[in-house]
Amino acid sequence: MRLFLAYVFGLLFHQLSAQHASDKNQIFHKIDSQMIVNPAKTRDLISFVEINYKNREVLNKCNRLFAQAYYYENNYNEALKKIIQTKDQQNVSGVVSYRNILYSAGIKKVDFGTDYNQNSVFKLNEEILKANELILLGRKEKAIKIILNILPKITNKSLYNYRDSFSFVLINLSEDDWITKSPEFRIPVLKILSYYPDDMGFDILKKKLFPANISDVWLAKAKKEINNTTNFQLRAIYYNFLLDYYYSKKDVSNYILVSNQRDEQIREKNKAITQARSQWIYLTETKHYDEYIFAKKRGIIILISIILLSCIVLILLVVKIRHEKLRGKTYLLLSDKLKNLVKKKTPQVISENVKLTLLERLEKLESTNFFLDPNISIQSLANKLDSNSKYISEIINTYKKKNFTTYINEMRIEYIKQKLNNELVYRSYKIKYLAEESGFSSHSVFSSVFKSIEGISPVQYIQLLK
């Protein structure tokens, strides 16, 4: 009888557990299906899962989905906070998602640890991003070679991981009309598009990459979905498509309307990315500082433990000495040792003289155009000044009234402006060359920073000079 009851209760528990897991999987499936169209709504579902299914694997997946939803909404601030808080606990899917979000903000050098560098999914995503960089540089032969090598390695199981990195590739191909200029891209691009048949973003990109007769039914459906979506990135793809569509139809009024909407989108995205890059530097430095404080606290705990242990040893010694009637000098010596053990080191504070010395070194270094190094970081600058990143950050914030990223970007833009103003040959150079000359990693980042500082794009600035 007891065995029968145990079997019944065990069977009931198993069914409840299976039902619980099934409900969770259904919610995750709904999140995945709605993420592109309505990331704001999916955040409510993610919060529900996070509250009701508390285990490490589920929480890691929720963190990754939260960051992805914020990214699609152009809320880089919240996305980067989630990344910096949880990137050390992520599996490879989460790391790839975080990598793509940071890449979209122009943050391309991030160390996720050696564990992921050998993972096939991570390596394949890096190859896709490498191909995208080559497309931006106009090196189509190498880009097509990498893409053709990638496609046979893609599996249905891992498609979701490459969704964003493939979208970067297709967006850049569509902007420069590469399909028309380089027909060899046609077959691999169609292959990529076939991976995501029900994805609204890829459907729009297909219409832009391969213009054809577009039905009024499709246009109405797309307009309705875009009007209802909270996906900022999806709207940007849609507006770029509409510009080409209305241009081909010679529909001037709608072209101007969409052009204004797209320009507003670009301003919002550039502003969000600029803030995100500054915030990333702040968050990473804060995390390193917090880790330093934690290590320091742990050291203090160890020191206190040693002191307490020493105190116990000393007490035992004193008791033994009393029993042996050996007091006086021995007791005083042990007391002196105890006092030496409990002395505390006062933390060093940067003096005003040191601040002024570092400021003078920094201003001398500015004349060497150190800021043109594309790999310059606050740590490498600190090494040049024989100091540390915390001190240099404080000097820049205090005396330059700006953060490190803004400080470097403004000097780069001022440098290239001087070149454009004083050397006529620079006005004939391509934007890509001007970006490299002034230390930027890509022409798109250079253009967005230039416009955020000067209020106009580099092209418009050159036209005004001419």
Protein backbone atom coordinates (compact mmCIF):
# COMPACT_ATOMS: atom_id res chain seq x y z
CA MET A 1 0.00 0.00 0.00
CA ARG A 2 2.81 2.40 0.93
CA LEU A 3 4.65 1.61 -2.30
CA PHE A 4 1.48 2.27 -4.29
CA LEU A 5 0.92 5.69 -2.60
CA ALA A 6 4.58 6.63 -3.17
CA TYR A 7 4.23 5.70 -6.84
CA VAL A 8 1.03 7.79 -7.20
CA PHE A 9 2.56 10.85 -5.52
CA GLY A 10 5.73 10.47 -7.59
CA LEU A 11 3.74 10.29 -10.81
CA LEU A 12 1.70 13.37 -9.81
CA PHE A 13 4.85 15.35 -8.99
CA HIS A 14 6.42 14.37 -12.31
CA GLN A 15 3.33 15.54 -14.23
CA LEU A 16 3.25 18.87 -12.37
CA SER A 17 6.97 19.42 -13.06
CA ALA A 18 6.50 18.56 -16.73
CA GLN A 19 3.54 20.95 -16.99
CA HIS A 20 5.59 23.69 -15.28
CA ALA A 21 8.43 23.23 -17.78
CA SER A 22 5.98 23.14 -20.69
CA ASP A 23 4.40 26.45 -19.61
CA LYS A 24 7.84 28.05 -19.35
CA ASN A 25 8.85 26.84 -22.84
CA GLN A 26 5.59 28.15 -24.31
CA ILE A 27 6.24 31.60 -22.80
CA PHE A 28 9.81 31.64 -24.15
CA HIS A 29 8.49 30.65 -27.59
CA LYS A 30 6.01 33.54 -27.43
CA ILE A 31 8.80 35.92 -26.38
CA ASP A 32 10.96 34.84 -29.33
CA SER A 33 8.08 35.22 -31.79
CA GLN A 34 7.14 38.72 -30.56
CA MET A 35 10.61 40.12 -29.78
CA ILE A 36 11.11 41.75 -33.20
CA VAL A 37 7.61 43.21 -33.56
CA ASN A 38 7.00 44.34 -29.98
CA PRO A 39 10.04 44.25 -27.66
CA ALA A 40 8.24 46.37 -25.02
CA LYS A 41 5.51 43.74 -24.65
CA THR A 42 8.05 40.92 -24.45
CA ARG A 43 9.74 42.64 -21.49
CA ASP A 44 6.53 42.10 -19.50
CA LEU A 45 6.63 38.39 -20.37
CA ILE A 46 10.33 38.18 -19.48
CA SER A 47 9.60 39.78 -16.08
CA PHE A 48 6.87 37.18 -15.49
CA VAL A 49 9.29 34.31 -16.25
CA GLU A 50 12.01 35.88 -14.11
CA ILE A 51 9.67 36.05 -11.09
CA ASN A 52 8.06 32.61 -11.45
CA TYR A 53 10.89 30.39 -12.73
CA LYS A 54 13.90 31.06 -10.56
CA ASN A 55 16.92 29.03 -11.59
CA ARG A 56 20.27 30.11 -12.96
CA GLU A 57 19.72 29.00 -16.56
CA VAL A 58 16.34 30.76 -16.81
CA LEU A 59 17.65 33.96 -15.17
CA ASN A 60 20.63 34.10 -17.55
CA LYS A 61 18.29 33.73 -20.54
CA CYS A 62 15.99 36.45 -19.13
CA ASN A 63 18.95 38.83 -18.74
CA ARG A 64 19.96 38.22 -22.35
CA LEU A 65 16.39 38.80 -23.58
CA PHE A 66 16.06 41.99 -21.51
CA ALA A 67 19.24 43.42 -23.07
CA GLN A 68 18.04 42.46 -26.56
CA ALA A 69 14.62 44.08 -26.03
CA TYR A 70 16.19 47.32 -24.76
CA TYR A 71 18.55 47.34 -27.77
CA TYR A 72 15.66 46.98 -30.25
CA GLU A 73 13.96 49.93 -28.50
CA ASN A 74 17.15 52.05 -28.90
CA ASN A 75 17.48 52.11 -25.10
CA TYR A 76 21.21 51.47 -25.06
CA ASN A 77 21.60 52.76 -21.49
CA GLU A 78 19.49 49.96 -19.98
CA ALA A 79 20.91 47.37 -22.40
CA LEU A 80 24.50 48.18 -21.41
CA LYS A 81 23.64 48.14 -17.71
CA LYS A 82 22.20 44.66 -18.11
CA ILE A 83 25.28 43.54 -20.08
CA ILE A 84 27.83 44.85 -17.58
CA GLN A 85 25.90 43.28 -14.71
CA THR A 86 25.49 39.82 -16.24
CA LYS A 87 28.04 39.21 -19.01
CA ASP A 88 30.22 37.06 -16.74
CA GLN A 89 27.33 34.63 -16.10
CA GLN A 90 26.16 34.20 -19.71
CA ASN A 91 26.30 31.10 -21.88
CA VAL A 92 27.49 31.38 -25.48
CA SER A 93 24.07 32.49 -26.82
CA GLY A 94 24.00 35.33 -24.32
CA VAL A 95 27.59 36.35 -25.07
CA VAL A 96 26.92 36.43 -28.83
CA SER A 97 23.80 38.56 -28.25
CA TYR A 98 25.76 40.96 -26.01
CA ARG A 99 28.59 41.08 -28.57
CA ASN A 100 26.18 42.13 -31.34
CA ILE A 101 24.53 44.82 -29.19
CA LEU A 102 27.91 46.34 -28.28
CA TYR A 103 29.05 46.09 -31.91
CA SER A 104 25.99 48.06 -33.05
CA ALA A 105 27.04 50.85 -30.68
CA GLY A 106 30.57 50.89 -32.12
CA ILE A 107 32.04 49.14 -29.04
CA LYS A 108 34.01 46.47 -30.85
CA LYS A 109 36.78 45.53 -28.45
CA VAL A 110 35.27 43.64 -25.52
CA ASP A 111 36.89 40.73 -23.69
CA PHE A 112 34.35 38.01 -22.93
CA GLY A 113 37.04 35.58 -21.75
CA THR A 114 39.05 32.86 -23.46
CA ASP A 115 36.32 30.25 -22.86
CA TYR A 116 34.22 31.70 -25.70
CA ASN A 117 37.00 32.35 -28.20
CA GLN A 118 37.13 28.66 -29.08
CA ASN A 119 33.36 28.15 -29.20
CA SER A 120 32.11 27.42 -32.74
CA VAL A 121 28.98 29.62 -32.42
CA PHE A 122 30.98 32.56 -31.08
CA LYS A 123 33.71 32.15 -33.74
CA LEU A 124 31.14 31.97 -36.54
CA ASN A 125 29.45 35.15 -35.33
CA GLU A 126 32.85 36.88 -35.27
CA GLU A 127 33.35 35.85 -38.90
CA ILE A 128 30.00 37.44 -39.84
CA LEU A 129 31.01 40.68 -38.11
CA LYS A 130 34.39 40.55 -39.89
CA ALA A 131 32.61 40.26 -43.24
CA ASN A 132 30.49 43.28 -42.30
CA GLU A 133 33.63 45.32 -41.54
CA LEU A 134 35.04 44.42 -44.96
CA ILE A 135 31.79 45.54 -46.60
CA LEU A 136 32.05 48.89 -44.81
CA LEU A 137 35.62 49.24 -46.10
CA GLY A 138 34.52 48.39 -49.66
CA ARG A 139 36.57 45.17 -49.84
CA LYS A 140 33.89 43.09 -51.54
CA GLU A 141 36.10 40.22 -52.73
CA LYS A 142 37.23 39.29 -49.23
CA ALA A 143 33.74 39.87 -47.81
CA ILE A 144 32.05 37.51 -50.28
CA LYS A 145 34.75 34.89 -49.66
CA ILE A 146 34.08 34.94 -45.90
CA ILE A 147 30.29 34.85 -46.36
CA LEU A 148 30.48 31.87 -48.73
CA ASN A 149 32.65 30.07 -46.19
CA ILE A 150 30.20 30.84 -43.36
CA LEU A 151 26.92 29.71 -44.93
CA PRO A 152 27.59 25.93 -45.01
CA LYS A 153 28.35 26.03 -41.28
CA ILE A 154 25.01 27.58 -40.30
CA THR A 155 22.58 25.20 -38.61
CA ASN A 156 18.87 25.67 -37.90
CA LYS A 157 19.56 25.27 -34.18
CA SER A 158 21.89 28.28 -34.07
CA LEU A 159 20.06 30.62 -36.50
CA TYR A 160 18.69 32.80 -33.68
CA ASN A 161 22.24 33.63 -32.55
CA TYR A 162 23.19 35.18 -35.90
CA ARG A 163 20.00 37.16 -36.55
CA ASP A 164 21.43 40.57 -35.60
CA SER A 165 24.91 40.08 -37.11
CA PHE A 166 23.37 38.98 -40.43
CA SER A 167 21.08 42.04 -40.33
CA PHE A 168 24.16 44.32 -40.08
CA VAL A 169 25.52 42.70 -43.25
CA LEU A 170 22.28 43.02 -45.21
CA ILE A 171 21.66 46.63 -44.09
CA ASN A 172 25.11 47.71 -45.30
CA LEU A 173 24.72 45.80 -48.57
CA SER A 174 21.36 47.48 -49.18
CA GLU A 175 22.62 51.00 -48.43
CA ASP A 176 25.35 50.93 -51.10
CA ASP A 177 23.33 48.93 -53.67
CA TRP A 178 25.93 46.16 -53.65
CA ILE A 179 23.61 43.59 -55.20
CA THR A 180 23.46 45.63 -58.41
CA LYS A 181 27.17 46.46 -58.37
CA SER A 182 28.29 42.95 -57.39
CA PRO A 183 25.86 40.24 -58.60
CA GLU A 184 27.98 37.54 -56.95
CA PHE A 185 26.36 38.61 -53.65
CA ARG A 186 22.89 37.72 -54.94
CA ILE A 187 22.87 33.97 -54.13
CA PRO A 188 24.44 34.16 -50.62
CA VAL A 189 22.15 37.07 -49.71
CA LEU A 190 19.07 35.12 -50.81
CA LYS A 191 20.35 32.22 -48.71
CA ILE A 192 20.61 34.45 -45.63
CA LEU A 193 17.13 35.85 -46.23
CA SER A 194 15.75 32.31 -46.44
CA TYR A 195 16.91 31.67 -42.86
CA TYR A 196 14.35 34.14 -41.48
CA PRO A 197 11.18 33.79 -43.62
CA ASP A 198 8.78 35.11 -40.95
CA ASP A 199 10.96 37.99 -39.75
CA MET A 200 9.50 41.41 -40.63
CA GLY A 201 12.93 43.08 -40.71
CA PHE A 202 14.36 40.58 -43.18
CA ASP A 203 11.19 40.77 -45.28
CA ILE A 204 11.64 44.55 -45.63
CA LEU A 205 15.35 44.12 -46.41
CA LYS A 206 14.46 41.62 -49.13
CA LYS A 207 12.15 44.18 -50.76
CA LYS A 208 14.92 46.79 -50.58
CA LEU A 209 17.70 44.50 -51.85
CA PHE A 210 15.60 43.01 -54.66
CA PRO A 211 13.15 45.70 -55.83
CA ALA A 212 10.11 44.26 -57.54
CA ASN A 213 6.41 44.94 -57.91
CA ILE A 214 5.31 45.67 -54.36
CA SER A 215 1.63 45.13 -53.73
CA ASP A 216 -0.62 47.58 -51.94
CA VAL A 217 -1.62 44.75 -49.61
CA TRP A 218 1.98 44.24 -48.51
CA LEU A 219 2.52 47.98 -48.07
CA ALA A 220 -0.61 48.30 -45.94
CA LYS A 221 0.40 45.32 -43.81
CA ALA A 222 3.94 46.65 -43.32
CA LYS A 223 2.68 50.14 -42.44
CA LYS A 224 0.28 48.70 -39.86
CA GLU A 225 3.00 46.61 -38.21
CA ILE A 226 5.48 49.51 -38.17
CA ASN A 227 2.89 51.87 -36.64
CA ASN A 228 2.27 49.33 -33.86
CA THR A 229 5.87 48.25 -33.24
CA THR A 230 8.15 49.49 -30.45
CA ASN A 231 11.20 48.21 -32.35
CA PHE A 232 13.24 51.32 -33.18
CA GLN A 233 15.70 49.32 -35.33
CA LEU A 234 12.83 47.83 -37.40
CA ARG A 235 11.39 51.29 -38.09
CA ALA A 236 14.81 52.47 -39.30
CA ILE A 237 14.96 49.62 -41.83
CA TYR A 238 11.40 50.42 -42.94
CA TYR A 239 12.07 54.14 -43.49
CA ASN A 240 15.18 53.36 -45.58
CA PHE A 241 13.07 51.02 -47.73
CA LEU A 242 10.32 53.64 -48.16
CA LEU A 243 12.83 56.25 -49.33
CA ASP A 244 13.90 54.00 -52.21
CA TYR A 245 10.29 53.06 -52.92
CA TYR A 246 8.94 56.62 -53.10
CA TYR A 247 12.02 57.73 -55.07
CA SER A 248 11.33 55.04 -57.69
CA LYS A 249 7.66 56.15 -57.80
CA LYS A 250 8.67 59.84 -58.02
CA ASP A 251 6.33 60.49 -55.08
CA VAL A 252 7.95 63.73 -53.82
CA SER A 253 5.60 64.53 -50.94
CA ASN A 254 5.85 61.09 -49.34
CA TYR A 255 9.60 61.01 -50.02
CA ILE A 256 10.11 64.26 -48.09
CA LEU A 257 7.87 63.07 -45.24
CA VAL A 258 9.74 59.78 -44.85
CA SER A 259 13.09 61.54 -45.24
CA ASN A 260 12.28 63.75 -42.26
CA GLN A 261 11.21 60.71 -40.23
CA ARG A 262 14.42 58.90 -41.10
CA ASP A 263 16.59 61.94 -40.25
CA GLU A 264 14.90 62.14 -36.85
CA GLN A 265 15.60 58.43 -36.34
CA ILE A 266 19.27 58.92 -37.24
CA ARG A 267 19.57 61.79 -34.74
CA GLU A 268 17.98 59.70 -32.00
CA LYS A 269 20.21 56.70 -32.74
CA ASN A 270 23.41 58.77 -32.93
CA LYS A 271 22.54 60.44 -29.64
CA ALA A 272 21.81 57.07 -28.00
CA ILE A 273 25.05 55.54 -29.33
CA THR A 274 27.18 58.51 -28.21
CA GLN A 275 25.69 58.29 -24.72
CA ALA A 276 26.10 54.50 -24.73
CA ARG A 277 29.82 54.67 -25.54
CA SER A 278 30.40 57.16 -22.72
CA GLN A 279 28.28 55.07 -20.37
CA TRP A 280 30.16 51.88 -21.27
CA ILE A 281 33.47 53.47 -20.26
CA TYR A 282 31.91 54.69 -17.03
CA LEU A 283 30.27 51.31 -16.25
CA THR A 284 33.41 49.28 -16.96
CA GLU A 285 35.57 51.59 -14.87
CA THR A 286 32.98 51.49 -12.08
CA LYS A 287 32.89 47.69 -12.20
CA HIS A 288 36.68 47.48 -12.04
CA TYR A 289 36.66 49.92 -9.15
CA ASP A 290 33.98 47.87 -7.35
CA GLU A 291 36.05 44.74 -7.89
CA TYR A 292 39.05 46.59 -6.46
CA ILE A 293 37.02 47.65 -3.42
CA PHE A 294 35.75 44.09 -2.96
CA ALA A 295 39.31 42.73 -3.11
CA LYS A 296 40.39 45.41 -0.68
CA LYS A 297 37.59 44.52 1.74
CA ARG A 298 38.48 40.86 1.45
CA GLY A 299 42.09 41.76 2.23
CA ILE A 300 40.97 43.71 5.28
CA ILE A 301 38.90 40.71 6.47
CA ILE A 302 41.92 38.45 6.05
CA LEU A 303 44.10 40.97 7.88
CA ILE A 304 41.61 41.21 10.75
CA SER A 305 41.47 37.40 10.92
CA ILE A 306 45.25 37.27 11.11
CA ILE A 307 45.24 39.91 13.83
CA LEU A 308 42.60 38.04 15.83
CA LEU A 309 44.53 34.82 15.44
CA SER A 310 47.67 36.64 16.51
CA CYS A 311 45.81 38.01 19.51
CA ILE A 312 44.76 34.50 20.53
CA VAL A 313 48.33 33.28 20.14
CA LEU A 314 49.61 36.21 22.16
CA ILE A 315 47.05 35.61 24.92
CA LEU A 316 48.14 31.97 25.14
CA LEU A 317 51.74 33.08 25.27
CA VAL A 318 50.98 35.60 28.00
CA VAL A 319 49.14 32.97 30.06
CA LYS A 320 52.08 30.62 29.64
CA ILE A 321 54.49 33.38 30.58
CA ARG A 322 52.46 34.19 33.70
CA HIS A 323 52.48 30.57 34.70
CA GLU A 324 56.23 30.50 34.25
CA LYS A 325 56.52 33.84 36.08
CA LEU A 326 58.33 35.34 33.11
CA ARG A 327 56.76 38.76 32.87
CA GLY A 328 58.28 42.17 32.38
CA LYS A 329 60.37 42.50 29.22
CA THR A 330 58.84 39.51 27.44
CA TYR A 331 55.28 40.79 28.07
CA LEU A 332 56.19 44.32 26.93
CA LEU A 333 57.83 42.93 23.80
CA LEU A 334 54.73 40.95 22.90
CA SER A 335 52.53 44.00 23.55
CA ASP A 336 54.69 46.09 21.22
CA LYS A 337 54.38 43.41 18.53
CA LEU A 338 50.62 43.41 18.96
CA LYS A 339 50.49 47.20 18.54
CA ASN A 340 52.57 46.96 15.35
CA LEU A 341 50.17 44.37 13.92
CA VAL A 342 47.07 46.51 14.42
CA LYS A 343 48.52 49.69 12.90
CA LYS A 344 46.44 50.81 9.95
CA LYS A 345 47.80 52.34 6.79
CA THR A 346 46.17 55.61 5.87
CA PRO A 347 45.06 55.65 2.23
CA GLN A 348 46.93 57.99 -0.08
CA VAL A 349 45.00 60.87 -1.57
CA ILE A 350 46.08 62.61 -4.76
CA SER A 351 47.51 66.02 -3.85
CA GLU A 352 46.91 69.27 -5.67
CA ASN A 353 50.56 69.40 -6.79
CA VAL A 354 50.26 65.93 -8.35
CA LYS A 355 47.03 67.00 -10.10
CA LEU A 356 48.72 70.07 -11.59
CA THR A 357 51.76 68.02 -12.65
CA LEU A 358 49.55 65.45 -14.40
CA LEU A 359 47.54 68.26 -16.07
CA GLU A 360 50.77 69.82 -17.39
CA ARG A 361 51.93 66.45 -18.76
CA LEU A 362 48.54 65.88 -20.38
CA GLU A 363 48.54 69.27 -22.12
CA LYS A 364 52.10 68.67 -23.39
CA LEU A 365 51.03 65.27 -24.69
CA GLU A 366 48.11 66.87 -26.59
CA SER A 367 50.63 68.59 -28.87
CA THR A 368 51.85 65.15 -30.01
CA ASN A 369 48.36 64.29 -31.35
CA PHE A 370 48.25 61.13 -29.25
CA PHE A 371 44.49 61.11 -29.69
CA LEU A 372 44.86 60.02 -33.34
CA ASP A 373 45.72 56.50 -32.16
CA PRO A 374 42.48 54.49 -32.84
CA ASN A 375 43.35 52.16 -29.94
CA ILE A 376 43.83 54.90 -27.35
CA SER A 377 42.19 54.12 -24.02
CA ILE A 378 42.23 55.78 -20.63
CA GLN A 379 44.56 53.02 -19.41
CA SER A 380 47.08 53.53 -22.25
CA LEU A 381 46.91 57.31 -21.69
CA ALA A 382 47.60 56.75 -18.00
CA ASN A 383 50.65 54.65 -18.92
CA LYS A 384 51.97 57.47 -21.12
CA LEU A 385 51.64 59.86 -18.15
CA ASP A 386 53.15 57.42 -15.63
CA SER A 387 49.93 57.41 -13.65
CA ASN A 388 46.75 55.32 -13.31
CA SER A 389 43.37 55.49 -15.06
CA LYS A 390 41.50 56.68 -11.96
CA TYR A 391 43.76 59.73 -11.55
CA ILE A 392 43.68 60.58 -15.26
CA SER A 393 39.88 60.27 -15.32
CA GLU A 394 39.68 62.67 -12.37
CA ILE A 395 42.05 65.16 -14.08
CA ILE A 396 39.99 65.15 -17.31
CA ASN A 397 36.65 65.44 -15.48
CA THR A 398 37.94 68.22 -13.19
CA TYR A 399 39.95 70.40 -15.57
CA LYS A 400 38.51 69.54 -19.00
CA LYS A 401 34.89 69.37 -17.73
CA LYS A 402 34.10 66.27 -19.80
CA ASN A 403 34.54 62.49 -19.78
CA PHE A 404 37.39 60.68 -21.52
CA THR A 405 35.45 59.72 -24.67
CA THR A 406 34.14 63.25 -25.28
CA TYR A 407 37.63 64.67 -24.60
CA ILE A 408 39.26 62.40 -27.22
CA ASN A 409 36.46 62.83 -29.80
CA GLU A 410 36.47 66.65 -29.59
CA MET A 411 40.26 66.79 -30.13
CA ARG A 412 39.95 64.44 -33.12
CA ILE A 413 37.20 66.52 -34.70
CA GLU A 414 39.13 69.76 -34.08
CA TYR A 415 42.23 68.18 -35.67
CA ILE A 416 40.42 67.16 -38.86
CA LYS A 417 38.65 70.55 -39.04
CA GLN A 418 42.04 72.28 -39.01
CA LYS A 419 43.20 70.00 -41.82
CA LEU A 420 40.06 70.77 -43.85
CA ASN A 421 40.34 74.51 -43.18
CA ASN A 422 44.06 74.85 -43.94
CA GLU A 423 44.89 72.10 -46.46
CA LEU A 424 42.69 72.14 -49.57
CA VAL A 425 43.63 68.59 -50.57
CA TYR A 426 41.78 67.21 -47.54
CA ARG A 427 38.48 68.51 -48.93
CA SER A 428 38.74 66.04 -51.81
CA TYR A 429 39.41 63.02 -49.59
CA LYS A 430 36.74 60.41 -48.92
CA ILE A 431 34.99 60.41 -45.54
CA LYS A 432 36.52 56.99 -44.82
CA TYR A 433 40.03 58.45 -45.15
CA LEU A 434 39.17 61.47 -42.97
CA ALA A 435 37.84 59.07 -40.32
CA GLU A 436 41.04 57.02 -40.34
CA GLU A 437 43.19 60.16 -40.38
CA SER A 438 41.48 61.48 -37.23
CA GLY A 439 41.67 58.17 -35.35
CA PHE A 440 38.13 56.81 -35.72
CA SER A 441 37.53 53.08 -36.26
CA SER A 442 34.85 53.59 -38.91
CA HIS A 443 33.45 56.35 -41.09
CA SER A 444 29.95 55.94 -39.63
CA VAL A 445 31.14 56.61 -36.07
CA PHE A 446 33.23 59.54 -37.34
CA SER A 447 30.23 61.05 -39.14
CA SER A 448 27.90 60.68 -36.15
CA VAL A 449 30.46 62.20 -33.72
CA PHE A 450 31.27 65.04 -36.16
CA LYS A 451 27.57 65.87 -36.53
CA SER A 452 26.91 65.68 -32.77
CA ILE A 453 29.73 68.20 -32.13
CA GLU A 454 29.40 70.53 -35.15
CA GLY A 455 25.68 70.20 -35.85
CA ILE A 456 26.31 69.25 -39.49
CA SER A 457 27.80 66.21 -41.24
CA PRO A 458 31.42 66.16 -42.57
CA VAL A 459 30.10 66.29 -46.15
CA GLN A 460 28.04 69.41 -45.41
CA TYR A 461 31.02 71.01 -43.64
CA ILE A 462 33.27 70.41 -46.65
CA GLN A 463 30.60 71.82 -48.97
CA LEU A 464 30.41 74.99 -46.83
CA LEU A 465 34.21 75.36 -47.00
CA LYS A 466 34.13 74.96 -50.77
